[in-house]
Amino acid sequence: MYCKILVMKKILIIFSATLITLAVFILCDFLFFNHMALKELNITKSFGKYVDVKEFNLPEYSIKLNSMAKQYEERKTAFRPVMNPNSKENSIIIFGCSFAYGYVFDNNQTISYVMSKYSTRPIYNRALNCWGIQHAIYQLKDKDFYNIIKTKPKYIFFVLIGHSGHFERLYYTAFPNIIDKNYYLTYKQKGNDLTERKPFLNLYYNFAIFRHIQNKIIKKWVVDKKFYENPNKENFGLFILHFKTMNKLIKTLWGGAEDNKNGEYPKLIILTFENTKKEYWQEELEKDGITVIDIADTIGIHYINDLSKGFFEPELCPHPNGKLWELLVPKLKEMYPDL
């Protein structure tokens, strides 16, 4: 009897210690989350003329990550309006992140708006802030996507940001901005295909502290080492496979034997700001029929490198504005007269 009481006491002590430890950790996680949220709010306030800071409130603390399906459903209304919506011509689709979306800019500063001045085709801007190549693949796999795109695309553009942005996003399971409570879609390579990378112990990623640690590890030990310290074609394999998968989906969805004979597959074109590592992936993608257009080479590197020129908003990390797209799109029209 005495032994049983001792055992029960030990179990109670362990249980109590576990609860106290968990409570202390959640309190620390709550404080860390709010510290990062305040930091993010201060960054937002520094945008000043670009955003109405009254619209930005401190997010509520939560240890629940929203699924990709739920996130996609919630954000469907956030896409830019379709340009030339009544046109019956073959369409243009634009994928990408905040660069293509036009982060904090009015619609008239976006690539899709500027392109509509040079094209009579319907133009669908399917980019959203923080998204990567994998989100283009996700949309191409979504059946509802084809109820939105009314006509077969003629051109599909992907705006590829530089400075490792889309490389890092291939490995996340939670976005680096830890106040974002959305699960971050990523794929891993399985043979010659991509399979969704499921988070290990999903609860682990729900805590802000763990998300922060994970993202620091990805940045330092995966992205920096693979893509910048030891770049080679093998390290770019996952990156290349994403675009090849995207191209394969495009051909499967909008191809067919008759189209193939006439060379009428939709054309996938990458508009890239990543002008330092192209030697490891451009040739491989062009073998697959994907066109890579270096924006710096096309409009002049001084417009990219010199922020004082006014083609980027330096306060926005920096993001391209309408002036840059007004330079680029006429060049695209010269390359593709039927744009």
Protein backbone atom coordinates (compact mmCIF):
# COMPACT_ATOMS: atom_id res chain seq x y z
CA MET A 1 0.00 0.00 0.00
CA TYR A 2 2.80 2.40 0.94
CA CYS A 3 4.57 1.66 -2.40
CA LYS A 4 1.37 2.40 -4.32
CA ILE A 5 1.06 5.76 -2.55
CA LEU A 6 4.67 6.59 -3.45
CA VAL A 7 4.05 5.64 -7.07
CA MET A 8 0.90 7.76 -7.14
CA LYS A 9 2.79 10.68 -5.63
CA LYS A 10 5.53 10.38 -8.26
CA ILE A 11 2.95 10.25 -11.03
CA LEU A 12 1.19 13.29 -9.58
CA ILE A 13 4.48 15.19 -9.28
CA ILE A 14 5.47 14.33 -12.87
CA PHE A 15 2.00 15.27 -14.15
CA SER A 16 2.01 18.54 -12.19
CA ALA A 17 5.56 19.38 -13.33
CA THR A 18 4.56 18.67 -16.94
CA LEU A 19 1.52 20.94 -16.70
CA ILE A 20 3.55 23.72 -15.06
CA THR A 21 6.31 23.41 -17.68
CA LEU A 22 3.73 23.49 -20.49
CA ALA A 23 1.98 26.49 -18.94
CA VAL A 24 5.29 28.37 -18.58
CA PHE A 25 6.25 27.51 -22.16
CA ILE A 26 2.87 28.68 -23.53
CA LEU A 27 3.24 31.92 -21.56
CA CYS A 28 6.74 32.43 -23.03
CA ASP A 29 5.40 31.58 -26.50
CA PHE A 30 2.55 34.06 -26.02
CA LEU A 31 4.98 36.82 -25.00
CA PHE A 32 7.35 36.01 -27.87
CA PHE A 33 4.46 35.98 -30.37
CA ASN A 34 3.25 39.40 -29.22
CA HIS A 35 6.79 40.79 -29.25
CA MET A 36 7.14 39.74 -32.90
CA ALA A 37 3.65 41.03 -33.69
CA LEU A 38 4.52 44.47 -32.27
CA LYS A 39 7.73 44.45 -34.26
CA GLU A 40 5.77 43.63 -37.42
CA LEU A 41 3.25 46.38 -36.64
CA ASN A 42 6.07 48.92 -36.28
CA ILE A 43 7.45 47.86 -39.66
CA THR A 44 3.98 48.29 -41.14
CA LYS A 45 3.70 51.78 -39.63
CA SER A 46 6.98 52.71 -41.28
CA PHE A 47 5.29 52.22 -44.67
CA GLY A 48 3.35 55.39 -43.88
CA LYS A 49 2.07 56.58 -47.22
CA TYR A 50 1.55 53.04 -48.56
CA VAL A 51 -0.89 51.58 -46.04
CA ASP A 52 -3.57 52.66 -43.61
CA VAL A 53 -2.11 51.48 -40.31
CA LYS A 54 -5.59 51.63 -38.75
CA GLU A 55 -6.37 48.48 -40.70
CA PHE A 56 -3.58 46.58 -38.94
CA ASN A 57 -4.42 45.22 -35.52
CA LEU A 58 -2.34 42.94 -33.34
CA PRO A 59 -3.26 39.35 -34.25
CA GLU A 60 -4.71 37.06 -31.61
CA TYR A 61 -2.40 34.42 -30.20
CA SER A 62 -3.24 30.93 -31.40
CA ILE A 63 -1.53 27.54 -31.55
CA LYS A 64 -3.65 26.30 -34.42
CA LEU A 65 -2.34 26.38 -37.98
CA ASN A 66 -4.90 26.73 -40.76
CA SER A 67 -4.70 24.08 -43.47
CA MET A 68 -3.68 25.00 -47.01
CA ALA A 69 -7.17 24.17 -48.28
CA LYS A 70 -8.74 26.53 -45.73
CA GLN A 71 -6.17 29.23 -46.42
CA TYR A 72 -6.78 29.01 -50.17
CA GLU A 73 -10.54 29.18 -49.67
CA GLU A 74 -10.21 32.23 -47.41
CA ARG A 75 -7.88 34.08 -49.78
CA LYS A 76 -9.75 33.53 -53.05
CA THR A 77 -11.31 36.98 -52.79
CA ALA A 78 -7.88 38.58 -52.32
CA PHE A 79 -6.70 38.08 -55.90
CA ARG A 80 -6.39 41.03 -58.24
CA PRO A 81 -9.35 41.67 -60.58
CA VAL A 82 -9.34 39.99 -63.98
CA MET A 83 -8.26 42.40 -66.70
CA ASN A 84 -10.19 42.37 -70.01
CA PRO A 85 -12.74 39.99 -68.41
CA ASN A 86 -15.12 39.95 -71.40
CA SER A 87 -12.49 39.01 -73.97
CA LYS A 88 -12.99 35.62 -75.63
CA GLU A 89 -9.33 35.34 -76.66
CA ASN A 90 -6.91 32.85 -75.17
CA SER A 91 -5.92 34.17 -71.77
CA ILE A 92 -2.76 35.15 -69.89
CA ILE A 93 -2.11 33.85 -66.36
CA ILE A 94 0.42 35.42 -63.98
CA PHE A 95 1.72 33.51 -60.96
CA GLY A 96 4.11 34.60 -58.23
CA CYS A 97 4.32 36.33 -54.87
CA SER A 98 4.05 39.96 -53.72
CA PHE A 99 6.17 41.16 -56.65
CA ALA A 100 3.56 39.94 -59.12
CA TYR A 101 0.63 40.78 -56.84
CA GLY A 102 1.82 44.34 -56.25
CA TYR A 103 2.17 44.43 -52.48
CA VAL A 104 0.39 47.49 -50.97
CA PHE A 105 0.06 49.10 -54.40
CA ASP A 106 -3.19 50.00 -56.11
CA ASN A 107 -4.16 47.71 -58.98
CA ASN A 108 -2.92 50.22 -61.58
CA GLN A 109 0.65 49.60 -60.36
CA THR A 110 0.57 45.84 -61.06
CA ILE A 111 2.08 43.85 -63.91
CA SER A 112 -1.39 42.54 -64.84
CA TYR A 113 -2.84 46.04 -65.17
CA VAL A 114 0.09 47.32 -67.25
CA MET A 115 -0.04 44.21 -69.43
CA SER A 116 -3.73 44.85 -70.12
CA LYS A 117 -2.73 48.12 -71.82
CA TYR A 118 -0.76 46.12 -74.39
CA SER A 119 -2.96 43.03 -74.67
CA THR A 120 -6.64 42.43 -75.36
CA ARG A 121 -6.50 38.96 -73.79
CA PRO A 122 -8.12 38.19 -70.43
CA ILE A 123 -5.36 38.49 -67.79
CA TYR A 124 -5.60 36.56 -64.54
CA ASN A 125 -3.23 37.67 -61.77
CA ARG A 126 -3.06 34.59 -59.51
CA ALA A 127 -0.21 35.82 -57.32
CA LEU A 128 -0.52 36.51 -53.61
CA ASN A 129 1.83 37.91 -50.98
CA CYS A 130 4.25 35.32 -49.53
CA TRP A 131 3.42 32.63 -52.07
CA GLY A 132 5.96 30.59 -54.05
CA ILE A 133 6.20 28.25 -57.03
CA GLN A 134 4.40 25.53 -55.09
CA HIS A 135 1.27 27.68 -54.85
CA ALA A 136 1.13 27.91 -58.65
CA ILE A 137 1.29 24.09 -58.75
CA TYR A 138 -1.43 23.89 -56.09
CA GLN A 139 -3.73 26.08 -58.17
CA LEU A 140 -3.05 24.12 -61.33
CA LYS A 141 -4.13 20.99 -59.44
CA ASP A 142 -7.28 22.59 -58.07
CA LYS A 143 -10.43 21.70 -60.05
CA ASP A 144 -12.10 24.98 -59.17
CA PHE A 145 -9.25 26.85 -60.89
CA TYR A 146 -10.68 25.87 -64.29
CA ASN A 147 -14.05 27.40 -63.49
CA ILE A 148 -12.21 30.69 -62.98
CA ILE A 149 -9.97 30.63 -66.07
CA LYS A 150 -12.60 30.97 -68.80
CA THR A 151 -10.37 30.52 -71.85
CA LYS A 152 -7.31 28.42 -72.53
CA PRO A 153 -4.12 30.36 -71.71
CA LYS A 154 -1.77 31.47 -74.44
CA TYR A 155 0.97 32.62 -72.05
CA ILE A 156 1.65 31.78 -68.43
CA PHE A 157 4.13 34.01 -66.58
CA PHE A 158 5.84 33.35 -63.27
CA VAL A 159 7.52 36.35 -61.60
CA LEU A 160 10.56 34.95 -59.80
CA ILE A 161 12.01 37.18 -57.09
CA GLY A 162 15.70 37.17 -56.28
CA HIS A 163 17.71 37.17 -53.06
CA SER A 164 16.81 33.53 -52.28
CA GLY A 165 13.13 34.34 -51.66
CA HIS A 166 11.55 31.50 -53.61
CA PHE A 167 14.39 29.10 -52.79
CA GLU A 168 13.67 29.40 -49.07
CA ARG A 169 9.95 28.89 -49.57
CA LEU A 170 10.50 25.42 -51.01
CA TYR A 171 11.36 24.16 -47.51
CA TYR A 172 8.95 25.87 -45.13
CA THR A 173 6.09 24.31 -43.22
CA ALA A 174 5.32 27.66 -41.58
CA PHE A 175 6.08 31.04 -43.10
CA PRO A 176 8.98 33.04 -41.51
CA ASN A 177 6.60 35.73 -40.38
CA ILE A 178 5.59 33.79 -37.27
CA ILE A 179 2.43 35.82 -36.71
CA ASP A 180 1.04 34.11 -39.84
CA LYS A 181 -0.98 31.18 -38.53
CA ASN A 182 -1.33 29.47 -41.91
CA TYR A 183 0.27 26.14 -42.68
CA TYR A 184 2.80 26.77 -45.44
CA LEU A 185 2.48 24.43 -48.40
CA THR A 186 5.72 22.78 -49.55
CA TYR A 187 6.58 19.76 -51.65
CA LYS A 188 9.51 17.38 -51.48
CA GLN A 189 11.01 15.30 -54.25
CA LYS A 190 9.97 11.67 -54.55
CA GLY A 191 11.62 10.16 -57.60
CA ASN A 192 10.73 12.46 -60.49
CA ASP A 193 7.59 13.75 -58.80
CA LEU A 194 6.64 16.11 -56.00
CA THR A 195 4.77 15.01 -52.90
CA GLU A 196 3.40 17.31 -50.20
CA ARG A 197 5.71 17.74 -47.22
CA LYS A 198 3.57 17.03 -44.17
CA PRO A 199 4.71 18.74 -40.95
CA PHE A 200 6.23 16.36 -38.41
CA LEU A 201 4.22 16.50 -35.18
CA ASN A 202 1.91 19.24 -36.41
CA LEU A 203 1.61 20.75 -32.92
CA TYR A 204 5.34 21.50 -32.98
CA TYR A 205 4.89 24.05 -35.76
CA ASN A 206 1.91 25.68 -34.08
CA PHE A 207 4.12 27.36 -31.47
CA ALA A 208 5.70 30.66 -32.49
CA ILE A 209 9.05 29.85 -30.85
CA PHE A 210 9.39 26.55 -32.71
CA ARG A 211 8.38 28.15 -36.02
CA HIS A 212 11.02 30.83 -35.49
CA ILE A 213 13.72 28.22 -34.74
CA GLN A 214 12.72 26.09 -37.72
CA ASN A 215 12.87 29.03 -40.11
CA LYS A 216 16.29 30.13 -38.82
CA ILE A 217 17.59 26.59 -39.42
CA ILE A 218 16.14 26.52 -42.95
CA LYS A 219 17.67 29.90 -43.79
CA LYS A 220 21.15 29.17 -42.40
CA TRP A 221 21.67 25.44 -42.92
CA VAL A 222 19.56 24.71 -45.97
CA VAL A 223 19.17 27.76 -48.19
CA ASP A 224 22.37 29.69 -47.51
CA LYS A 225 24.54 26.56 -47.74
CA LYS A 226 22.77 24.95 -50.72
CA PHE A 227 22.11 27.96 -52.88
CA TYR A 228 24.75 30.48 -51.89
CA GLU A 229 27.75 28.87 -50.21
CA ASN A 230 27.82 25.65 -52.25
CA PRO A 231 25.71 26.25 -55.37
CA ASN A 232 25.60 23.43 -57.93
CA LYS A 233 23.03 21.92 -60.26
CA GLU A 234 22.21 19.13 -57.83
CA ASN A 235 21.28 21.59 -55.09
CA PHE A 236 18.91 23.30 -57.50
CA GLY A 237 17.19 19.99 -58.34
CA LEU A 238 14.08 20.63 -56.22
CA PHE A 239 13.76 24.16 -57.60
CA ILE A 240 14.02 22.86 -61.19
CA LEU A 241 11.53 20.07 -60.52
CA HIS A 242 8.91 22.58 -59.36
CA PHE A 243 8.97 24.41 -62.69
CA LYS A 244 9.10 21.18 -64.68
CA THR A 245 6.08 19.92 -62.74
CA MET A 246 4.30 23.18 -63.43
CA ASN A 247 5.07 22.88 -67.14
CA LYS A 248 3.92 19.25 -67.19
CA LEU A 249 0.61 20.19 -65.59
CA ILE A 250 0.12 23.00 -68.11
CA LYS A 251 0.68 20.63 -71.03
CA THR A 252 -1.57 17.96 -69.56
CA LEU A 253 -4.39 20.36 -68.79
CA TRP A 254 -4.34 22.49 -71.91
CA GLY A 255 -2.53 20.30 -74.40
CA GLY A 256 -3.65 17.27 -76.34
CA ALA A 257 -2.42 15.53 -79.47
CA GLU A 258 -3.82 18.08 -81.91
CA ASP A 259 -2.46 21.05 -79.98
CA ASN A 260 0.91 19.36 -79.69
CA LYS A 261 1.20 18.98 -83.47
CA ASN A 262 0.56 22.68 -83.94
CA GLY A 263 2.84 23.75 -81.12
CA GLU A 264 -0.13 25.26 -79.28
CA TYR A 265 0.73 24.40 -75.71
CA PRO A 266 0.49 27.43 -73.42
CA LYS A 267 3.92 29.01 -73.18
CA LEU A 268 5.46 29.11 -69.68
CA ILE A 269 7.73 32.14 -69.23
CA ILE A 270 9.75 32.94 -66.10
CA LEU A 271 10.37 36.65 -65.52
CA THR A 272 13.30 36.59 -63.15
CA PHE A 273 14.95 39.09 -60.84
CA GLU A 274 17.33 36.29 -59.76
CA ASN A 275 20.29 37.19 -61.96
CA THR A 276 23.10 35.63 -59.89
CA LYS A 277 22.43 31.88 -59.95
CA LYS A 278 20.79 31.29 -63.33
CA GLU A 279 23.68 29.15 -64.58
CA TYR A 280 22.53 26.36 -62.26
CA TRP A 281 18.95 26.14 -63.51
CA GLN A 282 18.19 28.21 -66.65
CA GLU A 283 19.61 25.78 -69.21
CA GLU A 284 17.84 22.84 -67.58
CA LEU A 285 14.48 24.60 -67.72
CA GLU A 286 14.94 25.78 -71.29
CA LYS A 287 15.52 22.15 -72.31
CA ASP A 288 11.98 21.56 -71.06
CA GLY A 289 10.60 24.31 -73.30
CA ILE A 290 10.37 26.93 -70.55
CA THR A 291 11.56 30.44 -71.44
CA VAL A 292 13.60 32.41 -68.89
CA ILE A 293 13.66 36.19 -69.29
CA ASP A 294 16.08 38.13 -67.11
CA ILE A 295 14.38 41.43 -66.27
CA ALA A 296 17.70 43.20 -65.63
CA ASP A 297 19.04 42.17 -69.05
CA THR A 298 15.78 43.20 -70.71
CA ILE A 299 15.27 46.70 -69.32
CA GLY A 300 18.82 47.51 -68.16
CA ILE A 301 20.48 46.44 -64.93
CA HIS A 302 20.77 50.04 -63.68
CA TYR A 303 16.99 50.17 -63.27
CA ILE A 304 17.22 47.13 -60.97
CA ASN A 305 20.33 48.04 -58.99
CA ASP A 306 19.78 51.76 -58.44
CA LEU A 307 16.79 52.28 -56.14
CA SER A 308 17.05 56.03 -56.61
CA LYS A 309 15.76 55.55 -60.17
CA GLY A 310 12.29 55.07 -58.65
CA PHE A 311 11.34 51.75 -60.21
CA PHE A 312 11.21 50.06 -56.81
CA GLU A 313 9.77 51.31 -53.57
CA PRO A 314 12.82 51.03 -51.27
CA GLU A 315 10.62 51.15 -48.18
CA LEU A 316 8.92 47.94 -49.28
CA CYS A 317 11.84 45.54 -49.12
CA PRO A 318 11.94 46.65 -52.09
CA HIS A 319 9.00 45.90 -54.43
CA PRO A 320 8.65 46.83 -58.13
CA ASN A 321 6.04 49.45 -58.96
CA GLY A 322 4.13 50.33 -62.11
CA LYS A 323 7.05 52.27 -63.58
CA LEU A 324 9.12 49.09 -63.81
CA TRP A 325 6.32 47.12 -65.46
CA GLU A 326 5.81 50.01 -67.91
CA LEU A 327 9.42 49.47 -68.97
CA LEU A 328 9.24 45.69 -69.16
CA VAL A 329 5.86 44.94 -70.75
CA PRO A 330 6.54 46.80 -74.06
CA LYS A 331 9.74 44.71 -74.35
CA LEU A 332 7.66 41.56 -73.85
CA LYS A 333 5.28 42.79 -76.54
CA GLU A 334 8.22 43.10 -78.93
CA MET A 335 9.28 39.52 -78.15
CA TYR A 336 5.71 38.20 -78.38
CA PRO A 337 3.66 40.37 -80.78
CA ASP A 338 0.55 38.29 -80.08
CA LEU A 339 0.76 38.96 -76.35
